[in-house]
């Protein structure tokens, strides 16, 4: 199972969202997600988070929090264990050269209306509602359809 990270960076009541429109054969094509990516050999979740955010946005996170662990199972790709983070402070300037899609600050109230994976609402809802507890979620997909999910808070 591969390890990935995903981060929702917050500023002025908005999340930095990535509209995945630039890569060919992208399972996330045309979806809106936070920023992050696949861990490299030997990386911790935090190391992966900082590297991926820097590569995709040009930003260096200075305050972030591990919020949850999401297990994705799909008939379209290998299973994934995603470490979900939020961040509320960073240094640097946002790049306009992300090779995966277009970056945009989106009002947090509008995020649920964006085209996302169906299961993303399971973790976006607690984040947007100020849930402070750590959580785990399992999402099982058949193609783009969520067929099973479980959530637990700790």
C-alpha atoms as a PDB file:
ATOM      1  CA  UNK A   1       0.000   0.000   0.000  1.00  0.00           C
ATOM      2  CA  UNK A   2       1.455   3.373  -0.945  1.00  0.00           C
ATOM      3  CA  UNK A   3       1.552   6.356   1.400  1.00  0.00           C
ATOM      4  CA  UNK A   4       0.385   9.778   0.241  1.00  0.00           C
ATOM      5  CA  UNK A   5      -0.282  13.132   1.833  1.00  0.00           C
ATOM      6  CA  UNK A   6      -3.005  15.706   1.285  1.00  0.00           C
ATOM      7  CA  UNK A   7      -3.073  19.163   2.824  1.00  0.00           C
ATOM      8  CA  UNK A   8      -5.704  21.861   3.051  1.00  0.00           C
ATOM      9  CA  UNK A   9      -3.849  25.138   3.514  1.00  0.00           C
ATOM     10  CA  UNK A  10      -6.005  27.838   5.062  1.00  0.00           C
ATOM     11  CA  UNK A  11      -5.719  31.608   4.683  1.00  0.00           C
ATOM     12  CA  UNK A  12      -8.380  34.268   5.310  1.00  0.00           C
ATOM     13  CA  UNK A  13     -11.254  31.764   5.455  1.00  0.00           C
ATOM     14  CA  UNK A  14     -10.163  30.058   2.230  1.00  0.00           C
ATOM     15  CA  UNK A  15      -8.505  26.764   1.346  1.00  0.00           C
ATOM     16  CA  UNK A  16      -5.846  26.500  -1.326  1.00  0.00           C
ATOM     17  CA  UNK A  17      -7.369  24.069  -3.820  1.00  0.00           C
ATOM     18  CA  UNK A  18      -5.808  22.333  -6.794  1.00  0.00           C
ATOM     19  CA  UNK A  19      -8.000  21.859  -9.873  1.00  0.00           C
ATOM     20  CA  UNK A  20      -6.429  18.791 -11.517  1.00  0.00           C
ATOM     21  CA  UNK A  21      -6.543  19.633 -15.230  1.00  0.00           C
ATOM     22  CA  UNK A  22      -2.956  19.376 -16.558  1.00  0.00           C
ATOM     23  CA  UNK A  23      -1.848  15.730 -16.375  1.00  0.00           C
ATOM     24  CA  UNK A  24      -2.850  13.107 -18.921  1.00  0.00           C
ATOM     25  CA  UNK A  25      -4.353   9.858 -17.613  1.00  0.00           C
ATOM     26  CA  UNK A  26      -4.880  11.440 -14.177  1.00  0.00           C
ATOM     27  CA  UNK A  27      -7.320   9.507 -11.979  1.00  0.00           C
ATOM     28  CA  UNK A  28      -8.078  12.891 -10.343  1.00  0.00           C
ATOM     29  CA  UNK A  29      -8.687  14.686 -13.670  1.00  0.00           C
ATOM     30  CA  UNK A  30     -11.045  17.667 -13.344  1.00  0.00           C
ATOM     31  CA  UNK A  31     -11.472  17.143  -9.599  1.00  0.00           C
ATOM     32  CA  UNK A  32     -10.639  19.757  -6.947  1.00  0.00           C
ATOM     33  CA  UNK A  33      -8.391  18.546  -4.140  1.00  0.00           C
ATOM     34  CA  UNK A  34      -5.935  19.899  -1.612  1.00  0.00           C
ATOM     35  CA  UNK A  35      -2.210  19.721  -2.347  1.00  0.00           C
ATOM     36  CA  UNK A  36       0.075  16.775  -1.703  1.00  0.00           C
ATOM     37  CA  UNK A  37       1.252  13.590  -3.308  1.00  0.00           C
ATOM     38  CA  UNK A  38       3.051  10.275  -3.107  1.00  0.00           C
ATOM     39  CA  UNK A  39       5.683   9.540  -0.510  1.00  0.00           C
ATOM     40  CA  UNK A  40       9.161   8.696  -1.694  1.00  0.00           C
ATOM     41  CA  UNK A  41      11.129   5.765  -0.327  1.00  0.00           C
ATOM     42  CA  UNK A  42      11.938   6.282   3.363  1.00  0.00           C
ATOM     43  CA  UNK A  43       9.983   9.544   3.757  1.00  0.00           C
ATOM     44  CA  UNK A  44       7.878  10.202   6.824  1.00  0.00           C
ATOM     45  CA  UNK A  45       4.407  11.668   6.259  1.00  0.00           C
ATOM     46  CA  UNK A  46       5.687  15.077   7.414  1.00  0.00           C
ATOM     47  CA  UNK A  47       8.669  14.980   5.059  1.00  0.00           C
ATOM     48  CA  UNK A  48       6.388  14.030   2.167  1.00  0.00           C
ATOM     49  CA  UNK A  49       3.943  16.797   3.094  1.00  0.00           C
ATOM     50  CA  UNK A  50       6.585  19.526   3.178  1.00  0.00           C
ATOM     51  CA  UNK A  51       8.233  18.369  -0.072  1.00  0.00           C
ATOM     52  CA  UNK A  52       4.981  17.978  -2.008  1.00  0.00           C
ATOM     53  CA  UNK A  53       3.542  21.309  -0.839  1.00  0.00           C
ATOM     54  CA  UNK A  54       6.797  23.063  -1.790  1.00  0.00           C
ATOM     55  CA  UNK A  55       6.901  21.366  -5.232  1.00  0.00           C
ATOM     56  CA  UNK A  56       3.252  22.085  -6.077  1.00  0.00           C
ATOM     57  CA  UNK A  57       2.800  25.539  -4.535  1.00  0.00           C
ATOM     58  CA  UNK A  58       6.218  27.099  -3.867  1.00  0.00           C
ATOM     59  CA  UNK A  59       5.173  27.527  -0.212  1.00  0.00           C
ATOM     60  CA  UNK A  60       7.044  26.373   2.890  1.00  0.00           C
ATOM     61  CA  UNK A  61       4.622  25.307   5.625  1.00  0.00           C
ATOM     62  CA  UNK A  62       5.477  26.707   9.058  1.00  0.00           C
ATOM     63  CA  UNK A  63       2.398  25.472  10.966  1.00  0.00           C
ATOM     64  CA  UNK A  64       0.536  22.284  10.129  1.00  0.00           C
ATOM     65  CA  UNK A  65      -1.422  19.549  11.869  1.00  0.00           C
ATOM     66  CA  UNK A  66      -1.966  15.841  11.163  1.00  0.00           C
ATOM     67  CA  UNK A  67      -5.770  15.495  11.117  1.00  0.00           C
ATOM     68  CA  UNK A  68      -6.615  12.057   9.841  1.00  0.00           C
ATOM     69  CA  UNK A  69      -5.697   8.876   8.047  1.00  0.00           C
ATOM     70  CA  UNK A  70      -7.722   7.823   5.015  1.00  0.00           C
ATOM     71  CA  UNK A  71      -7.520   4.419   3.380  1.00  0.00           C
ATOM     72  CA  UNK A  72      -8.567   4.381  -0.277  1.00  0.00           C
ATOM     73  CA  UNK A  73      -9.333   1.136  -2.064  1.00  0.00           C
ATOM     74  CA  UNK A  74     -10.228   1.274  -5.753  1.00  0.00           C
ATOM     75  CA  UNK A  75     -10.583  -1.062  -8.695  1.00  0.00           C
ATOM     76  CA  UNK A  76      -8.634   1.514 -10.773  1.00  0.00           C
ATOM     77  CA  UNK A  77      -5.362   1.756  -8.817  1.00  0.00           C
ATOM     78  CA  UNK A  78      -3.381   0.274  -5.956  1.00  0.00           C
ATOM     79  CA  UNK A  79      -4.659   0.915  -2.398  1.00  0.00           C
ATOM     80  CA  UNK A  80      -3.471   4.109  -0.754  1.00  0.00           C
ATOM     81  CA  UNK A  81      -3.020   5.266   2.835  1.00  0.00           C
ATOM     82  CA  UNK A  82      -3.411   9.045   2.778  1.00  0.00           C
ATOM     83  CA  UNK A  83      -2.206  11.231   5.642  1.00  0.00           C
ATOM     84  CA  UNK A  84      -4.495  14.257   5.842  1.00  0.00           C
ATOM     85  CA  UNK A  85      -3.104  17.556   7.127  1.00  0.00           C
ATOM     86  CA  UNK A  86      -4.296  21.112   7.543  1.00  0.00           C
ATOM     87  CA  UNK A  87      -1.951  24.098   7.615  1.00  0.00           C
ATOM     88  CA  UNK A  88      -2.508  27.664   8.747  1.00  0.00           C
ATOM     89  CA  UNK A  89       0.872  29.340   8.251  1.00  0.00           C
ATOM     90  CA  UNK A  90       3.470  29.364   5.503  1.00  0.00           C
ATOM     91  CA  UNK A  91       6.294  31.369   3.966  1.00  0.00           C
ATOM     92  CA  UNK A  92       6.928  32.200   0.343  1.00  0.00           C
ATOM     93  CA  UNK A  93       4.902  33.153  -2.698  1.00  0.00           C
ATOM     94  CA  UNK A  94       2.381  30.960  -4.457  1.00  0.00           C
ATOM     95  CA  UNK A  95       3.708  29.651  -7.763  1.00  0.00           C
ATOM     96  CA  UNK A  96       1.758  29.845 -11.007  1.00  0.00           C
ATOM     97  CA  UNK A  97       3.704  26.909 -12.474  1.00  0.00           C
ATOM     98  CA  UNK A  98       2.076  23.874 -10.851  1.00  0.00           C
ATOM     99  CA  UNK A  99       2.371  21.029 -13.362  1.00  0.00           C
ATOM    100  CA  UNK A 100      -0.660  19.132 -12.001  1.00  0.00           C
ATOM    101  CA  UNK A 101      -3.365  21.762 -12.296  1.00  0.00           C
ATOM    102  CA  UNK A 102      -4.484  25.245 -11.376  1.00  0.00           C
ATOM    103  CA  UNK A 103      -4.122  26.515  -7.810  1.00  0.00           C
ATOM    104  CA  UNK A 104      -6.869  28.734  -6.437  1.00  0.00           C
ATOM    105  CA  UNK A 105      -7.857  30.106  -3.030  1.00  0.00           C
ATOM    106  CA  UNK A 106     -11.492  29.027  -2.545  1.00  0.00           C
ATOM    107  CA  UNK A 107     -13.840  30.225   0.184  1.00  0.00           C
ATOM    108  CA  UNK A 108     -14.231  27.325   2.625  1.00  0.00           C
ATOM    109  CA  UNK A 109     -18.036  27.573   2.352  1.00  0.00           C
ATOM    110  CA  UNK A 110     -17.800  26.948  -1.420  1.00  0.00           C
ATOM    111  CA  UNK A 111     -15.445  23.950  -1.227  1.00  0.00           C
ATOM    112  CA  UNK A 112     -18.242  21.352  -0.706  1.00  0.00           C
ATOM    113  CA  UNK A 113     -19.862  22.412  -4.004  1.00  0.00           C
ATOM    114  CA  UNK A 114     -16.692  21.778  -6.054  1.00  0.00           C
ATOM    115  CA  UNK A 115     -16.362  18.578  -8.102  1.00  0.00           C
ATOM    116  CA  UNK A 116     -14.430  16.249  -5.767  1.00  0.00           C
ATOM    117  CA  UNK A 117     -14.301  12.557  -5.037  1.00  0.00           C
ATOM    118  CA  UNK A 118     -17.524  11.474  -3.323  1.00  0.00           C
ATOM    119  CA  UNK A 119     -15.607  10.278  -0.265  1.00  0.00           C
ATOM    120  CA  UNK A 120     -13.796  13.611   0.157  1.00  0.00           C
ATOM    121  CA  UNK A 121     -16.943  14.965   1.816  1.00  0.00           C
ATOM    122  CA  UNK A 122     -16.400  12.479   4.636  1.00  0.00           C
ATOM    123  CA  UNK A 123     -13.249  14.336   5.718  1.00  0.00           C
ATOM    124  CA  UNK A 124     -14.078  17.808   4.411  1.00  0.00           C
ATOM    125  CA  UNK A 125     -17.188  17.995   6.582  1.00  0.00           C
ATOM    126  CA  UNK A 126     -15.324  17.479   9.887  1.00  0.00           C
ATOM    127  CA  UNK A 127     -12.573  19.913   8.814  1.00  0.00           C
ATOM    128  CA  UNK A 128     -15.028  22.603   7.727  1.00  0.00           C
ATOM    129  CA  UNK A 129     -17.093  22.146  10.894  1.00  0.00           C
ATOM    130  CA  UNK A 130     -14.082  22.636  13.178  1.00  0.00           C
ATOM    131  CA  UNK A 131     -13.773  19.011  14.355  1.00  0.00           C
ATOM    132  CA  UNK A 132     -10.648  18.762  16.491  1.00  0.00           C
ATOM    133  CA  UNK A 133     -10.420  14.990  16.999  1.00  0.00           C
ATOM    134  CA  UNK A 134      -8.165  12.769  14.902  1.00  0.00           C
ATOM    135  CA  UNK A 135     -10.118  10.499  12.559  1.00  0.00           C
ATOM    136  CA  UNK A 136      -9.712   7.524  10.274  1.00  0.00           C
ATOM    137  CA  UNK A 137     -11.781   6.844   7.182  1.00  0.00           C
ATOM    138  CA  UNK A 138     -11.926   3.950   4.755  1.00  0.00           C
ATOM    139  CA  UNK A 139     -13.322   4.610   1.272  1.00  0.00           C
ATOM    140  CA  UNK A 140     -13.891   1.816  -1.214  1.00  0.00           C
ATOM    141  CA  UNK A 141     -14.497   2.862  -4.815  1.00  0.00           C
ATOM    142  CA  UNK A 142     -15.727   1.058  -7.869  1.00  0.00           C
ATOM    143  CA  UNK A 143     -14.701   3.340 -10.731  1.00  0.00           C
ATOM    144  CA  UNK A 144     -15.801   6.836  -9.558  1.00  0.00           C
ATOM    145  CA  UNK A 145     -18.539   5.535  -7.264  1.00  0.00           C
ATOM    146  CA  UNK A 146     -18.098   5.237  -3.499  1.00  0.00           C
ATOM    147  CA  UNK A 147     -19.492   1.813  -2.561  1.00  0.00           C
ATOM    148  CA  UNK A 148     -18.351   1.535   1.057  1.00  0.00           C
ATOM    149  CA  UNK A 149     -17.109   3.863   3.768  1.00  0.00           C
ATOM    150  CA  UNK A 150     -16.334   3.801   7.477  1.00  0.00           C
ATOM    151  CA  UNK A 151     -15.303   6.663   9.741  1.00  0.00           C
ATOM    152  CA  UNK A 152     -14.045   6.721  13.334  1.00  0.00           C
ATOM    153  CA  UNK A 153     -13.045   9.632  15.579  1.00  0.00           C
ATOM    154  CA  UNK A 154     -10.447   9.458  18.353  1.00  0.00           C
END
